[in-house]
Amino acid sequence: MARTRTFGALAALGVATALTVTAAPASAASSYVALGDSYSSGVGTRTYINDGTSCQRSVYAYPSLIAANKGLALNFRACSGAKVADVTNTQLSALGSGTTYVSISVGGNDAGFADVLTECAQPGWMSDCNGAIDDAQYIINNVLPGRLSTLYSSIRAKAPNARVTVVGYPRIFNGEDCNAFTWFSPTEESRLNSTADLLNSKLSAQASAKGFSFANPTSRFTGHAVCDSTEWLNGLSNPVSESYHPNVAGHRDGYAPLVSTPLTGSALTVTAATLRVAADSSTTLATQQRRYAAADRTIVPEQFRAPDLTTARARAAAKRAGVDLSSRASIDAADRLWSQRQDRAWSAAHPH
């Protein structure tokens, strides 16, 4: 059943726990370097360490939870906005012959996912969602594989003894849009999910070619998309930077157990003890990451932007489409009409 949310309802994220396995002691810590973008840094969890950057690293992100549970010494290099080039230029220096474990999620920003979501969230009469998705898929198919191959080779060269796990991206949508101020159509959501699948296929192929494992979150996040009854992914949020990223539950119950087994060789259930150890690491992690702050500040966060129907572009598009911007009924009716037209046009141009 569709649910309409307001920003206020999105403010609280619980940190419920499962009490089954205790955190491992840190006495014989192995080296764990977490590389990548916002899906690894913890954007969406709403709690970030104070490291002097805009990386938005969270103790409730899966790298921190895995390190806390397994007693690993974490170098938390993942940073919001990171592309392949940013990982290469600012994060790989953390690797060495003594690195035991490496996880990495990167590629979504190279494909411009934030900009694609921004375009598709607008009413159909003022957006070109299909064009934005086509552009992203072109990059994923034709540009990203070469970048990933080079990056993964560099990771192996710098950390020759490490067990490396490449981490993929979940399907964000479930076919409905329960957010009051976005206009994703079911077809657009299906195409966006397919684009995540396409990206995962390229990540998996390049990981396999280098002998790395691949953690695919698609199945684990099924039933926990935006607008599902138990969301592991934020919809449109306040602040907007939290939008369309895993929340606390997504990292705790989704990513952490998913990544732990291929990365460390053993399963993980996040417990109250794990959460305490992770929270207590905040100061240590912040101090450690401040050493890299100058380099991290060169990374520009890639953020979703909420639809704004007050702009000159919106007013011009509304005039062309005959939309009364003072009437939500007029806005929505035109959105449905234009989305249907765009769906038909795209289907005609891409016959099965």
Protein backbone atom coordinates (compact mmCIF):
# COMPACT_ATOMS: atom_id res chain seq x y z
CA MET A 1 0.00 0.00 0.00
CA ALA A 2 1.36 3.45 -0.90
CA ARG A 3 2.33 5.70 1.98
CA THR A 4 2.71 9.46 1.71
CA ARG A 5 5.48 10.80 3.92
CA THR A 6 6.35 14.25 5.14
CA PHE A 7 9.87 15.40 5.96
CA GLY A 8 9.11 15.25 9.67
CA ALA A 9 8.38 11.53 9.50
CA LEU A 10 11.82 10.94 8.06
CA ALA A 11 13.78 12.48 10.89
CA ALA A 12 14.14 9.52 13.24
CA LEU A 13 16.14 6.41 12.53
CA GLY A 14 16.18 3.70 15.17
CA VAL A 15 19.23 1.71 16.06
CA ALA A 16 17.56 -1.59 16.99
CA THR A 17 19.83 -4.51 17.68
CA ALA A 18 19.89 -8.28 17.38
CA LEU A 19 21.41 -9.98 20.41
CA THR A 20 23.19 -13.07 19.14
CA VAL A 21 26.93 -12.62 18.58
CA THR A 22 29.33 -10.54 20.64
CA ALA A 23 31.97 -8.25 19.20
CA ALA A 24 35.41 -9.73 18.75
CA PRO A 25 38.26 -8.39 20.89
CA ALA A 26 40.62 -5.95 19.22
CA SER A 27 43.78 -7.37 20.72
CA ALA A 28 45.01 -9.08 17.54
CA ALA A 29 43.70 -6.55 15.05
CA SER A 30 44.19 -7.06 11.34
CA SER A 31 44.35 -4.13 8.94
CA TYR A 32 41.10 -3.25 7.14
CA VAL A 33 40.96 -0.41 4.61
CA ALA A 34 37.49 0.69 3.48
CA LEU A 35 37.56 2.45 0.11
CA GLY A 36 34.82 3.99 -1.95
CA ASP A 37 31.92 6.41 -2.04
CA SER A 38 28.89 7.44 0.02
CA TYR A 39 27.42 3.93 0.08
CA SER A 40 30.48 2.87 2.08
CA SER A 41 31.06 6.06 4.08
CA GLY A 42 27.60 5.89 5.61
CA VAL A 43 25.64 8.75 4.05
CA GLY A 44 22.03 8.17 5.06
CA THR A 45 22.73 7.16 8.66
CA ARG A 46 22.55 10.78 9.89
CA THR A 47 25.46 10.39 12.32
CA TYR A 48 28.97 11.35 11.15
CA ILE A 49 32.41 11.60 12.65
CA ASN A 50 34.00 15.03 13.00
CA ASP A 51 37.02 14.62 10.73
CA GLY A 52 37.09 18.06 9.09
CA THR A 53 35.73 16.85 5.74
CA SER A 54 32.44 16.49 3.86
CA CYS A 55 32.99 12.73 3.46
CA GLN A 56 30.17 11.95 5.93
CA ARG A 57 31.78 8.88 7.50
CA SER A 58 29.58 7.14 10.04
CA VAL A 59 30.34 4.71 12.84
CA TYR A 60 27.07 3.02 11.80
CA ALA A 61 28.29 2.35 8.26
CA TYR A 62 29.12 -1.26 7.42
CA PRO A 63 32.94 -0.83 7.44
CA SER A 64 32.81 0.44 11.03
CA LEU A 65 30.38 -2.30 12.09
CA ILE A 66 32.48 -5.05 10.52
CA ALA A 67 35.64 -3.69 12.12
CA ALA A 68 33.94 -3.44 15.51
CA ASN A 69 32.53 -6.96 15.34
CA LYS A 70 35.67 -8.64 14.03
CA GLY A 71 38.23 -6.65 15.99
CA LEU A 72 39.85 -5.10 12.91
CA ALA A 73 41.97 -1.97 12.76
CA LEU A 74 39.99 0.19 10.33
CA ASN A 75 41.35 2.90 8.06
CA PHE A 76 38.07 4.47 6.93
CA ARG A 77 38.89 6.13 3.60
CA ALA A 78 35.50 5.92 1.86
CA CYS A 79 34.16 9.40 1.11
CA SER A 80 30.89 10.83 -0.14
CA GLY A 81 31.10 11.88 -3.77
CA ALA A 82 34.09 9.71 -4.63
CA LYS A 83 34.51 8.57 -8.21
CA VAL A 84 37.07 6.09 -9.49
CA ALA A 85 39.60 8.88 -10.00
CA ASP A 86 39.08 10.12 -6.43
CA VAL A 87 39.66 6.66 -4.99
CA THR A 88 42.87 6.44 -7.02
CA ASN A 89 44.10 9.90 -6.07
CA THR A 90 43.07 10.15 -2.42
CA GLN A 91 42.45 6.68 -0.97
CA LEU A 92 44.89 4.12 -2.34
CA SER A 93 47.78 5.54 -0.30
CA ALA A 94 46.22 3.81 2.72
CA LEU A 95 46.99 0.39 1.24
CA GLY A 96 50.17 -1.57 1.85
CA SER A 97 51.66 -5.03 1.98
CA GLY A 98 50.33 -5.40 5.52
CA THR A 99 46.71 -4.65 4.55
CA THR A 100 44.61 -7.73 5.33
CA TYR A 101 41.15 -6.71 4.10
CA VAL A 102 39.87 -4.20 1.54
CA SER A 103 36.27 -3.33 0.66
CA ILE A 104 35.29 -0.90 -2.07
CA SER A 105 32.11 0.53 -3.55
CA VAL A 106 32.58 2.95 -6.44
CA GLY A 107 31.05 3.57 -9.85
CA GLY A 108 27.69 5.14 -9.06
CA ASN A 109 29.08 8.67 -9.11
CA ASP A 110 30.96 7.99 -12.34
CA ALA A 111 27.59 7.13 -13.90
CA GLY A 112 26.05 10.30 -12.46
CA PHE A 113 23.40 8.57 -10.35
CA ALA A 114 22.64 11.66 -8.24
CA ASP A 115 21.98 13.74 -11.34
CA VAL A 116 19.90 10.96 -12.89
CA LEU A 117 17.74 10.66 -9.77
CA THR A 118 17.39 14.44 -9.68
CA GLU A 119 16.14 14.48 -13.28
CA CYS A 120 13.77 11.56 -12.85
CA ALA A 121 12.23 12.87 -9.61
CA GLN A 122 10.74 15.86 -11.44
CA PRO A 123 7.30 15.78 -13.06
CA GLY A 124 7.34 14.22 -16.51
CA TRP A 125 6.41 17.48 -18.19
CA MET A 126 9.69 19.10 -17.14
CA SER A 127 12.15 16.19 -17.19
CA ASP A 128 13.98 13.84 -19.53
CA CYS A 129 14.37 10.84 -17.28
CA ASN A 130 14.87 8.34 -20.11
CA GLY A 131 17.60 10.47 -21.66
CA ALA A 132 19.41 10.73 -18.32
CA ILE A 133 19.19 6.97 -17.79
CA ASP A 134 20.42 6.30 -21.34
CA ASP A 135 23.46 8.52 -20.71
CA ALA A 136 24.24 6.72 -17.44
CA GLN A 137 23.94 3.31 -19.07
CA TYR A 138 26.29 4.40 -21.85
CA ILE A 139 28.94 5.31 -19.28
CA ILE A 140 28.40 2.05 -17.39
CA ASN A 141 28.72 -0.02 -20.55
CA ASN A 142 31.49 1.83 -22.36
CA VAL A 143 33.55 3.92 -19.94
CA LEU A 144 33.36 2.42 -16.47
CA PRO A 145 34.76 -1.09 -17.15
CA GLY A 146 38.14 0.30 -18.20
CA ARG A 147 38.30 2.60 -15.20
CA LEU A 148 37.43 -0.24 -12.83
CA SER A 149 39.98 -2.58 -14.38
CA THR A 150 42.75 -0.04 -13.86
CA LEU A 151 41.63 0.75 -10.32
CA TYR A 152 41.34 -2.89 -9.27
CA SER A 153 44.80 -3.61 -10.68
CA SER A 154 46.17 -0.75 -8.58
CA ILE A 155 44.48 -2.10 -5.46
CA ARG A 156 46.04 -5.51 -6.01
CA ALA A 157 49.47 -4.00 -6.67
CA LYS A 158 49.36 -1.87 -3.51
CA ALA A 159 47.80 -4.54 -1.28
CA PRO A 160 49.13 -7.83 -2.70
CA ASN A 161 48.19 -9.87 0.36
CA ALA A 162 44.72 -8.47 0.99
CA ARG A 163 41.37 -10.16 0.63
CA VAL A 164 39.36 -7.70 -1.50
CA THR A 165 35.57 -7.44 -1.73
CA VAL A 166 33.85 -5.22 -4.28
CA VAL A 167 30.47 -4.04 -3.00
CA GLY A 168 27.51 -3.35 -5.28
CA TYR A 169 24.41 -1.15 -5.16
CA PRO A 170 20.82 -2.13 -4.24
CA ARG A 171 17.67 -1.50 -6.23
CA ILE A 172 16.29 1.67 -4.69
CA PHE A 173 12.64 1.43 -5.74
CA ASN A 174 9.71 -0.96 -5.39
CA GLY A 175 7.46 0.41 -8.17
CA GLU A 176 5.60 3.07 -6.23
CA ASP A 177 6.41 6.60 -5.12
CA CYS A 178 5.07 7.41 -1.65
CA ASN A 179 7.04 10.64 -1.29
CA ALA A 180 4.90 13.76 -1.49
CA PHE A 181 7.39 15.86 -3.45
CA THR A 182 8.84 13.48 -6.08
CA TRP A 183 7.30 12.19 -9.30
CA PHE A 184 8.99 8.87 -10.16
CA SER A 185 6.75 6.82 -12.45
CA PRO A 186 6.65 3.01 -12.16
CA THR A 187 8.42 2.68 -15.51
CA GLU A 188 11.11 5.13 -14.45
CA GLU A 189 11.64 3.22 -11.21
CA SER A 190 11.94 -0.04 -13.16
CA ARG A 191 14.54 1.47 -15.49
CA LEU A 192 16.48 2.94 -12.56
CA ASN A 193 16.52 -0.46 -10.86
CA SER A 194 17.69 -2.08 -14.10
CA THR A 195 20.49 0.47 -14.27
CA ALA A 196 21.63 -0.55 -10.79
CA ASP A 197 21.59 -4.17 -11.99
CA LEU A 198 23.66 -3.20 -15.02
CA LEU A 199 26.20 -1.43 -12.85
CA ASN A 200 26.43 -4.46 -10.56
CA SER A 201 27.07 -6.72 -13.55
CA LYS A 202 30.06 -4.59 -14.60
CA LEU A 203 31.40 -4.40 -11.05
CA SER A 204 31.07 -8.17 -10.67
CA ALA A 205 32.78 -8.91 -13.98
CA GLN A 206 35.77 -6.69 -13.22
CA ALA A 207 36.03 -8.03 -9.66
CA SER A 208 36.05 -11.60 -10.94
CA ALA A 209 38.72 -10.77 -13.50
CA LYS A 210 41.03 -9.62 -10.69
CA GLY A 211 40.20 -12.48 -8.31
CA PHE A 212 38.16 -10.26 -5.98
CA SER A 213 34.86 -11.29 -4.42
CA PHE A 214 31.67 -9.38 -5.17
CA ALA A 215 28.93 -8.60 -2.64
CA ASN A 216 25.65 -8.09 -4.49
CA PRO A 217 23.00 -6.43 -2.28
CA THR A 218 20.06 -6.91 -4.67
CA SER A 219 18.49 -9.95 -3.02
CA ARG A 220 19.21 -8.89 0.55
CA PHE A 221 17.55 -5.49 0.06
CA THR A 222 14.46 -6.94 -1.65
CA GLY A 223 11.46 -5.90 0.44
CA HIS A 224 13.40 -3.01 1.95
CA ALA A 225 13.37 -0.45 -0.86
CA VAL A 226 12.07 3.10 -0.66
CA CYS A 227 8.34 2.95 0.21
CA ASP A 228 8.49 -0.64 1.47
CA SER A 229 7.03 -1.22 4.94
CA THR A 230 10.53 -1.64 6.40
CA GLU A 231 12.87 0.66 4.53
CA TRP A 232 16.61 0.13 4.50
CA LEU A 233 16.94 2.98 2.01
CA ASN A 234 15.90 6.58 2.56
CA GLY A 235 13.47 8.24 0.20
CA LEU A 236 13.36 12.02 -0.12
CA SER A 237 14.78 13.19 3.20
CA ASN A 238 15.51 16.25 5.26
CA PRO A 239 18.33 17.15 4.90
CA VAL A 240 18.12 16.22 1.24
CA SER A 241 21.70 14.88 1.26
CA GLU A 242 20.40 11.83 3.18
CA SER A 243 18.11 10.87 0.28
CA TYR A 244 18.41 7.56 -1.60
CA HIS A 245 21.11 6.07 0.61
CA PRO A 246 21.07 3.17 3.09
CA ASN A 247 19.88 4.14 6.55
CA VAL A 248 21.11 2.69 9.84
CA ALA A 249 19.13 -0.51 9.31
CA GLY A 250 20.41 -0.78 5.75
CA HIS A 251 23.99 -0.87 6.99
CA ARG A 252 23.30 -2.88 10.14
CA ASP A 253 21.02 -5.57 8.71
CA GLY A 254 21.78 -5.24 5.02
CA TYR A 255 25.33 -4.39 4.09
CA ALA A 256 27.29 -5.47 7.18
CA PRO A 257 26.17 -9.13 7.12
CA LEU A 258 26.36 -9.20 3.32
CA VAL A 259 29.94 -7.94 3.11
CA SER A 260 31.38 -9.65 6.17
CA THR A 261 31.36 -13.22 4.86
CA PRO A 262 33.25 -12.69 1.58
CA LEU A 263 35.51 -10.08 3.16
CA THR A 264 36.51 -11.77 6.43
CA GLY A 265 35.46 -15.35 5.78
CA SER A 266 32.95 -15.40 8.63
CA ALA A 267 29.35 -14.33 9.14
CA LEU A 268 28.27 -11.34 11.19
CA THR A 269 25.22 -10.27 13.14
CA VAL A 270 25.39 -6.75 14.53
CA THR A 271 24.76 -6.80 18.27
CA ALA A 272 24.43 -4.27 21.06
CA ALA A 273 28.09 -4.88 21.86
CA THR A 274 29.06 -4.28 18.23
CA LEU A 275 27.19 -0.98 18.20
CA ARG A 276 28.88 0.13 21.43
CA VAL A 277 32.34 -0.68 20.09
CA ALA A 278 31.56 1.10 16.81
CA ALA A 279 30.23 4.19 18.58
CA ASP A 280 33.25 4.29 20.89
CA SER A 281 35.57 4.35 17.86
CA SER A 282 34.27 7.73 16.70
CA THR A 283 37.05 9.87 18.18
CA THR A 284 39.81 7.50 17.06
CA LEU A 285 38.45 7.34 13.50
CA ALA A 286 38.03 11.12 13.33
CA THR A 287 41.60 11.71 14.49
CA GLN A 288 42.94 9.20 12.00
CA GLN A 289 41.00 10.57 9.04
CA ARG A 290 41.96 14.19 9.75
CA ARG A 291 45.42 13.27 8.50
CA TYR A 292 43.90 12.93 5.06
CA ALA A 293 41.56 15.92 5.29
CA ALA A 294 43.35 18.10 2.73
CA ALA A 295 43.09 15.37 0.10
CA ASP A 296 39.53 14.48 1.06
CA ARG A 297 38.41 18.08 0.63
CA THR A 298 39.21 17.82 -3.09
CA ILE A 299 36.28 15.39 -3.46
CA VAL A 300 33.03 17.12 -4.40
CA PRO A 301 29.93 15.49 -2.90
CA GLU A 302 27.41 14.32 -5.49
CA GLN A 303 23.97 15.03 -4.06
CA PHE A 304 20.40 14.48 -5.15
CA ARG A 305 18.45 17.73 -5.52
CA ALA A 306 14.76 17.82 -4.71
CA PRO A 307 12.34 18.99 -7.42
CA ASP A 308 11.81 22.76 -7.39
CA LEU A 309 8.71 23.93 -9.23
CA THR A 310 9.45 27.61 -8.53
CA THR A 311 12.34 27.95 -10.94
CA ALA A 312 12.21 29.71 -14.31
CA ARG A 313 12.73 26.34 -15.99
CA ALA A 314 9.76 24.85 -14.14
CA ARG A 315 7.53 27.81 -14.95
CA ALA A 316 8.46 27.64 -18.64
CA ALA A 317 7.86 23.88 -18.77
CA ALA A 318 4.53 24.28 -17.00
CA LYS A 319 3.43 26.92 -19.48
CA ARG A 320 4.32 24.67 -22.43
CA ALA A 321 2.42 21.76 -20.86
CA GLY A 322 -0.58 23.81 -19.78
CA VAL A 323 0.06 23.12 -16.11
CA ASP A 324 -1.37 25.29 -13.34
CA LEU A 325 1.45 25.38 -10.77
CA SER A 326 -0.98 26.51 -8.09
CA SER A 327 -2.91 23.25 -8.44
CA ARG A 328 -1.43 19.94 -7.28
CA ALA A 329 -4.13 18.14 -9.26
CA SER A 330 -3.01 19.89 -12.45
CA ILE A 331 0.66 19.12 -11.74
CA ASP A 332 -0.03 15.44 -11.12
CA ALA A 333 -2.43 14.96 -14.03
CA ALA A 334 0.07 16.43 -16.47
CA ASP A 335 2.83 14.31 -14.95
CA ARG A 336 0.86 11.12 -15.57
CA LEU A 337 0.08 12.14 -19.15
CA TRP A 338 3.64 13.12 -20.04
CA SER A 339 5.13 10.07 -18.32
CA GLN A 340 2.87 7.81 -20.37
CA ARG A 341 3.91 9.58 -23.56
CA GLN A 342 7.58 9.23 -22.68
CA ASP A 343 7.14 5.55 -21.81
CA ARG A 344 5.51 4.89 -25.19
CA ALA A 345 8.21 6.80 -27.05
CA TRP A 346 11.01 4.93 -25.28
CA SER A 347 9.35 1.54 -25.85
CA ALA A 348 8.92 2.32 -29.55
CA ALA A 349 12.60 3.23 -29.83
CA HIS A 350 13.70 0.10 -27.92
CA PRO A 351 11.53 -2.79 -29.15
CA HIS A 352 12.19 -6.14 -27.49
